Amino acid sequence: MDMLTSMNKAIDYMEEHLSGEIDLAEVARLAGYTQTNLNRMFLSITDVSVSEYIRRRRMTLAAGDLL
């Protein structure tokens, strides 16, 4: 599995579970990385950490709900 496919699987899982609890171990498993390597790879690709990505996405959804 190539890196972009791995990251897309991780993002798909996070997007599906934004309204609930996100298991970072499961995200890493789906991507085929350890949690540490997932964080490093995600940061290198997106310029934000996994936890920051989740926080920003949840804030975006909350802002949409407020409107």
PDB file of N, CA and C in Angstrom:
ATOM      1  N   MET A   1       0.854  -1.167   0.000  1.00  0.00           N
ATOM      2  CA  MET A   1       0.000   0.000   0.000  1.00  0.00           C
ATOM      3  C   MET A   1       0.903   1.234   0.000  1.00  0.00           C
ATOM      4  N   ASP A   2       0.629   2.163  -0.896  1.00  0.00           N
ATOM      5  CA  ASP A   2       1.461   3.352  -0.934  1.00  0.00           C
ATOM      6  C   ASP A   2       1.043   4.360   0.139  1.00  0.00           C
ATOM      7  N   MET A   3       1.890   5.354   0.356  1.00  0.00           N
ATOM      8  CA  MET A   3       1.689   6.299   1.444  1.00  0.00           C
ATOM      9  C   MET A   3       0.379   7.077   1.304  1.00  0.00           C
ATOM     10  N   LEU A   4       0.056   7.533   0.112  1.00  0.00           N
ATOM     11  CA  LEU A   4      -1.171   8.320  -0.051  1.00  0.00           C
ATOM     12  C   LEU A   4      -2.421   7.476   0.162  1.00  0.00           C
ATOM     13  N   THR A   5      -2.392   6.237  -0.279  1.00  0.00           N
ATOM     14  CA  THR A   5      -3.524   5.339  -0.027  1.00  0.00           C
ATOM     15  C   THR A   5      -3.686   5.114   1.464  1.00  0.00           C
ATOM     16  N   SER A   6      -2.575   4.930   2.163  1.00  0.00           N
ATOM     17  CA  SER A   6      -2.599   4.743   3.616  1.00  0.00           C
ATOM     18  C   SER A   6      -3.202   5.951   4.311  1.00  0.00           C
ATOM     19  N   MET A   7      -2.761   7.136   3.923  1.00  0.00           N
ATOM     20  CA  MET A   7      -3.260   8.357   4.557  1.00  0.00           C
ATOM     21  C   MET A   7      -4.737   8.576   4.238  1.00  0.00           C
ATOM     22  N   ASN A   8      -5.152   8.223   3.020  1.00  0.00           N
ATOM     23  CA  ASN A   8      -6.567   8.346   2.670  1.00  0.00           C
ATOM     24  C   ASN A   8      -7.433   7.424   3.514  1.00  0.00           C
ATOM     25  N   LYS A   9      -6.952   6.213   3.789  1.00  0.00           N
ATOM     26  CA  LYS A   9      -7.698   5.298   4.657  1.00  0.00           C
ATOM     27  C   LYS A   9      -7.806   5.872   6.062  1.00  0.00           C
ATOM     28  N   ALA A  10      -6.722   6.461   6.553  1.00  0.00           N
ATOM     29  CA  ALA A  10      -6.733   7.071   7.881  1.00  0.00           C
ATOM     30  C   ALA A  10      -7.714   8.239   7.927  1.00  0.00           C
ATOM     31  N   ILE A  11      -7.682   9.089   6.921  1.00  0.00           N
ATOM     32  CA  ILE A  11      -8.581  10.244   6.874  1.00  0.00           C
ATOM     33  C   ILE A  11     -10.031   9.798   6.753  1.00  0.00           C
ATOM     34  N   ASP A  12     -10.292   8.788   5.934  1.00  0.00           N
ATOM     35  CA  ASP A  12     -11.656   8.276   5.799  1.00  0.00           C
ATOM     36  C   ASP A  12     -12.196   7.815   7.142  1.00  0.00           C
ATOM     37  N   TYR A  13     -11.382   7.083   7.896  1.00  0.00           N
ATOM     38  CA  TYR A  13     -11.811   6.616   9.217  1.00  0.00           C
ATOM     39  C   TYR A  13     -12.085   7.807  10.133  1.00  0.00           C
ATOM     40  N   MET A  14     -11.189   8.776  10.154  1.00  0.00           N
ATOM     41  CA  MET A  14     -11.368   9.941  11.032  1.00  0.00           C
ATOM     42  C   MET A  14     -12.633  10.712  10.656  1.00  0.00           C
ATOM     43  N   GLU A  15     -12.871  10.887   9.374  1.00  0.00           N
ATOM     44  CA  GLU A  15     -14.055  11.614   8.924  1.00  0.00           C
ATOM     45  C   GLU A  15     -15.341  10.888   9.316  1.00  0.00           C
ATOM     46  N   GLU A  16     -15.331   9.571   9.235  1.00  0.00           N
ATOM     47  CA  GLU A  16     -16.512   8.787   9.596  1.00  0.00           C
ATOM     48  C   GLU A  16     -16.803   8.830  11.091  1.00  0.00           C
ATOM     49  N   HIS A  17     -15.794   9.101  11.899  1.00  0.00           N
ATOM     50  CA  HIS A  17     -15.945   9.058  13.354  1.00  0.00           C
ATOM     51  C   HIS A  17     -15.770  10.425  14.020  1.00  0.00           C
ATOM     52  N   LEU A  18     -15.887  11.510  13.271  1.00  0.00           N
ATOM     53  CA  LEU A  18     -15.687  12.842  13.840  1.00  0.00           C
ATOM     54  C   LEU A  18     -16.655  13.158  14.974  1.00  0.00           C
ATOM     55  N   SER A  19     -17.855  12.650  14.900  1.00  0.00           N
ATOM     56  CA  SER A  19     -18.847  12.985  15.926  1.00  0.00           C
ATOM     57  C   SER A  19     -18.702  12.126  17.175  1.00  0.00           C
ATOM     58  N   GLY A  20     -17.834  11.140  17.138  1.00  0.00           N
ATOM     59  CA  GLY A  20     -17.637  10.263  18.292  1.00  0.00           C
ATOM     60  C   GLY A  20     -16.182  10.195  18.687  1.00  0.00           C
ATOM     61  N   GLU A  21     -15.845   9.108  19.351  1.00  0.00           N
ATOM     62  CA  GLU A  21     -14.463   8.918  19.783  1.00  0.00           C
ATOM     63  C   GLU A  21     -13.654   8.312  18.648  1.00  0.00           C
ATOM     64  N   ILE A  22     -12.477   8.864  18.425  1.00  0.00           N
ATOM     65  CA  ILE A  22     -11.594   8.359  17.380  1.00  0.00           C
ATOM     66  C   ILE A  22     -10.457   7.595  18.046  1.00  0.00           C
ATOM     67  N   ASP A  23     -10.334   6.331  17.690  1.00  0.00           N
ATOM     68  CA  ASP A  23      -9.296   5.468  18.229  1.00  0.00           C
ATOM     69  C   ASP A  23      -8.048   5.609  17.362  1.00  0.00           C
ATOM     70  N   LEU A  24      -7.043   6.333  17.873  1.00  0.00           N
ATOM     71  CA  LEU A  24      -5.842   6.579  17.082  1.00  0.00           C
ATOM     72  C   LEU A  24      -5.077   5.299  16.782  1.00  0.00           C
ATOM     73  N   ALA A  25      -5.173   4.306  17.652  1.00  0.00           N
ATOM     74  CA  ALA A  25      -4.543   3.014  17.375  1.00  0.00           C
ATOM     75  C   ALA A  25      -5.196   2.361  16.156  1.00  0.00           C
ATOM     76  N   GLU A  26      -6.503   2.501  16.034  1.00  0.00           N
ATOM     77  CA  GLU A  26      -7.220   1.949  14.877  1.00  0.00           C
ATOM     78  C   GLU A  26      -6.878   2.728  13.613  1.00  0.00           C
ATOM     79  N   VAL A  27      -6.754   4.031  13.720  1.00  0.00           N
ATOM     80  CA  VAL A  27      -6.358   4.850  12.573  1.00  0.00           C
ATOM     81  C   VAL A  27      -4.994   4.389  12.069  1.00  0.00           C
ATOM     82  N   ALA A  28      -4.059   4.219  12.994  1.00  0.00           N
ATOM     83  CA  ALA A  28      -2.707   3.785  12.630  1.00  0.00           C
ATOM     84  C   ALA A  28      -2.729   2.389  12.015  1.00  0.00           C
ATOM     85  N   ARG A  29      -3.533   1.497  12.580  1.00  0.00           N
ATOM     86  CA  ARG A  29      -3.622   0.135  12.057  1.00  0.00           C
ATOM     87  C   ARG A  29      -4.150   0.131  10.626  1.00  0.00           C
ATOM     88  N   LEU A  30      -5.193   0.915  10.378  1.00  0.00           N
ATOM     89  CA  LEU A  30      -5.762   0.989   9.024  1.00  0.00           C
ATOM     90  C   LEU A  30      -4.757   1.532   8.017  1.00  0.00           C
ATOM     91  N   ALA A  31      -3.941   2.474   8.476  1.00  0.00           N
ATOM     92  CA  ALA A  31      -2.938   3.077   7.595  1.00  0.00           C
ATOM     93  C   ALA A  31      -1.706   2.192   7.434  1.00  0.00           C
ATOM     94  N   GLY A  32      -1.549   1.216   8.331  1.00  0.00           N
ATOM     95  CA  GLY A  32      -0.404   0.328   8.236  1.00  0.00           C
ATOM     96  C   GLY A  32       0.848   0.879   8.883  1.00  0.00           C
ATOM     97  N   TYR A  33       0.674   1.775   9.843  1.00  0.00           N
ATOM     98  CA  TYR A  33       1.795   2.399  10.532  1.00  0.00           C
ATOM     99  C   TYR A  33       1.617   2.252  12.034  1.00  0.00           C
ATOM    100  N   THR A  34       2.701   2.507  12.774  1.00  0.00           N
ATOM    101  CA  THR A  34       2.569   2.677  14.214  1.00  0.00           C
ATOM    102  C   THR A  34       1.982   4.063  14.441  1.00  0.00           C
ATOM    103  N   GLN A  35       1.501   4.331  15.645  1.00  0.00           N
ATOM    104  CA  GLN A  35       0.932   5.661  15.921  1.00  0.00           C
ATOM    105  C   GLN A  35       1.978   6.751  15.730  1.00  0.00           C
ATOM    106  N   THR A  36       3.188   6.489  16.166  1.00  0.00           N
ATOM    107  CA  THR A  36       4.262   7.480  16.019  1.00  0.00           C
ATOM    108  C   THR A  36       4.545   7.758  14.551  1.00  0.00           C
ATOM    109  N   ASN A  37       4.673   6.698  13.751  1.00  0.00           N
ATOM    110  CA  ASN A  37       4.947   6.890  12.329  1.00  0.00           C
ATOM    111  C   ASN A  37       3.766   7.519  11.602  1.00  0.00           C
ATOM    112  N   LEU A  38       2.561   7.167  12.008  1.00  0.00           N
ATOM    113  CA  LEU A  38       1.386   7.805  11.409  1.00  0.00           C
ATOM    114  C   LEU A  38       1.428   9.306  11.650  1.00  0.00           C
ATOM    115  N   ASN A  39       1.702   9.701  12.886  1.00  0.00           N
ATOM    116  CA  ASN A  39       1.770  11.132  13.191  1.00  0.00           C
ATOM    117  C   ASN A  39       2.845  11.830  12.366  1.00  0.00           C
ATOM    118  N   ARG A  40       3.991  11.204  12.237  1.00  0.00           N
ATOM    119  CA  ARG A  40       5.091  11.798  11.455  1.00  0.00           C
ATOM    120  C   ARG A  40       4.716  11.931   9.980  1.00  0.00           C
ATOM    121  N   MET A  41       4.174  10.852   9.418  1.00  0.00           N
ATOM    122  CA  MET A  41       3.817  10.870   7.996  1.00  0.00           C
ATOM    123  C   MET A  41       2.687  11.849   7.727  1.00  0.00           C
ATOM    124  N   PHE A  42       1.677  11.852   8.603  1.00  0.00           N
ATOM    125  CA  PHE A  42       0.539  12.751   8.434  1.00  0.00           C
ATOM    126  C   PHE A  42       1.002  14.197   8.484  1.00  0.00           C
ATOM    127  N   LEU A  43       1.880  14.506   9.448  1.00  0.00           N
ATOM    128  CA  LEU A  43       2.408  15.862   9.584  1.00  0.00           C
ATOM    129  C   LEU A  43       3.211  16.259   8.354  1.00  0.00           C
ATOM    130  N   SER A  44       3.995  15.345   7.821  1.00  0.00           N
ATOM    131  CA  SER A  44       4.808  15.682   6.648  1.00  0.00           C
ATOM    132  C   SER A  44       3.955  15.927   5.407  1.00  0.00           C
ATOM    133  N   ILE A  45       2.824  15.251   5.315  1.00  0.00           N
ATOM    134  CA  ILE A  45       1.955  15.405   4.145  1.00  0.00           C
ATOM    135  C   ILE A  45       1.037  16.620   4.274  1.00  0.00           C
ATOM    136  N   THR A  46       0.454  16.811   5.460  1.00  0.00           N
ATOM    137  CA  THR A  46      -0.595  17.817   5.620  1.00  0.00           C
ATOM    138  C   THR A  46      -0.155  19.094   6.339  1.00  0.00           C
ATOM    139  N   ASP A  47       1.026  19.072   6.949  1.00  0.00           N
ATOM    140  CA  ASP A  47       1.533  20.196   7.753  1.00  0.00           C
ATOM    141  C   ASP A  47       0.732  20.421   9.026  1.00  0.00           C
ATOM    142  N   VAL A  48      -0.100  19.469   9.421  1.00  0.00           N
ATOM    143  CA  VAL A  48      -0.777  19.492  10.722  1.00  0.00           C
ATOM    144  C   VAL A  48      -0.723  18.084  11.310  1.00  0.00           C
ATOM    145  N   SER A  49      -0.728  18.002  12.634  1.00  0.00           N
ATOM    146  CA  SER A  49      -0.719  16.689  13.282  1.00  0.00           C
ATOM    147  C   SER A  49      -2.099  16.053  13.163  1.00  0.00           C
ATOM    148  N   VAL A  50      -2.163  14.774  13.474  1.00  0.00           N
ATOM    149  CA  VAL A  50      -3.437  14.054  13.432  1.00  0.00           C
ATOM    150  C   VAL A  50      -4.430  14.695  14.400  1.00  0.00           C
ATOM    151  N   SER A  51      -3.979  14.971  15.621  1.00  0.00           N
ATOM    152  CA  SER A  51      -4.886  15.551  16.619  1.00  0.00           C
ATOM    153  C   SER A  51      -5.340  16.950  16.208  1.00  0.00           C
ATOM    154  N   GLU A  52      -4.465  17.732  15.598  1.00  0.00           N
ATOM    155  CA  GLU A  52      -4.844  19.068  15.123  1.00  0.00           C
ATOM    156  C   GLU A  52      -5.834  18.963  13.965  1.00  0.00           C
ATOM    157  N   TYR A  53      -5.645  18.001  13.086  1.00  0.00           N
ATOM    158  CA  TYR A  53      -6.580  17.775  11.981  1.00  0.00           C
ATOM    159  C   TYR A  53      -7.971  17.479  12.529  1.00  0.00           C
ATOM    160  N   ILE A  54      -8.038  16.577  13.504  1.00  0.00           N
ATOM    161  CA  ILE A  54      -9.318  16.204  14.103  1.00  0.00           C
ATOM    162  C   ILE A  54      -9.966  17.417  14.765  1.00  0.00           C
ATOM    163  N   ARG A  55      -9.176  18.174  15.509  1.00  0.00           N
ATOM    164  CA  ARG A  55      -9.713  19.368  16.188  1.00  0.00           C
ATOM    165  C   ARG A  55     -10.260  20.374  15.181  1.00  0.00           C
ATOM    166  N   ARG A  56      -9.500  20.640  14.138  1.00  0.00           N
ATOM    167  CA  ARG A  56      -9.945  21.609  13.122  1.00  0.00           C
ATOM    168  C   ARG A  56     -11.211  21.143  12.415  1.00  0.00           C
ATOM    169  N   ARG A  57     -11.283  19.859  12.083  1.00  0.00           N
ATOM    170  CA  ARG A  57     -12.472  19.338  11.398  1.00  0.00           C
ATOM    171  C   ARG A  57     -13.698  19.433  12.298  1.00  0.00           C
ATOM    172  N   ARG A  58     -13.517  19.116  13.585  1.00  0.00           N
ATOM    173  CA  ARG A  58     -14.641  19.218  14.515  1.00  0.00           C
ATOM    174  C   ARG A  58     -15.076  20.668  14.687  1.00  0.00           C
ATOM    175  N   MET A  59     -14.130  21.582  14.707  1.00  0.00           N
ATOM    176  CA  MET A  59     -14.469  23.006  14.817  1.00  0.00           C
ATOM    177  C   MET A  59     -15.222  23.484  13.567  1.00  0.00           C
ATOM    178  N   THR A  60     -14.813  22.994  12.426  1.00  0.00           N
ATOM    179  CA  THR A  60     -15.503  23.343  11.178  1.00  0.00           C
ATOM    180  C   THR A  60     -16.950  22.862  11.204  1.00  0.00           C
ATOM    181  N   LEU A  61     -17.152  21.634  11.658  1.00  0.00           N
ATOM    182  CA  LEU A  61     -18.510  21.105  11.744  1.00  0.00           C
ATOM    183  C   LEU A  61     -19.343  21.871  12.769  1.00  0.00           C
ATOM    184  N   ALA A  62     -18.731  22.232  13.891  1.00  0.00           N
ATOM    185  CA  ALA A  62     -19.437  22.993  14.918  1.00  0.00           C
ATOM    186  C   ALA A  62     -19.818  24.386  14.395  1.00  0.00           C
ATOM    187  N   ALA A  63     -18.932  25.007  13.649  1.00  0.00           N
ATOM    188  CA  ALA A  63     -19.226  26.322  13.072  1.00  0.00           C
ATOM    189  C   ALA A  63     -20.396  26.225  12.099  1.00  0.00           C
ATOM    190  N   GLY A  64     -20.432  25.154  11.318  1.00  0.00           N
ATOM    191  CA  GLY A  64     -21.547  24.946  10.404  1.00  0.00           C
ATOM    192  C   GLY A  64     -22.852  24.759  11.145  1.00  0.00           C
ATOM    193  N   ASP A  65     -22.805  24.058  12.273  1.00  0.00           N
ATOM    194  CA  ASP A  65     -24.017  23.869  13.075  1.00  0.00           C
ATOM    195  C   ASP A  65     -24.514  25.193  13.655  1.00  0.00           C
ATOM    196  N   LEU A  66     -23.594  26.061  14.034  1.00  0.00           N
ATOM    197  CA  LEU A  66     -23.980  27.351  14.600  1.00  0.00           C
ATOM    198  C   LEU A  66     -24.649  28.251  13.572  1.00  0.00           C
ATOM    199  N   LEU A  67     -24.238  28.118  12.333  1.00  0.00           N
ATOM    200  CA  LEU A  67     -24.837  28.951  11.289  1.00  0.00           C
ATOM    201  C   LEU A  67     -26.235  28.476  10.998  1.00  0.00           C
TER     202      LEU A  67
END
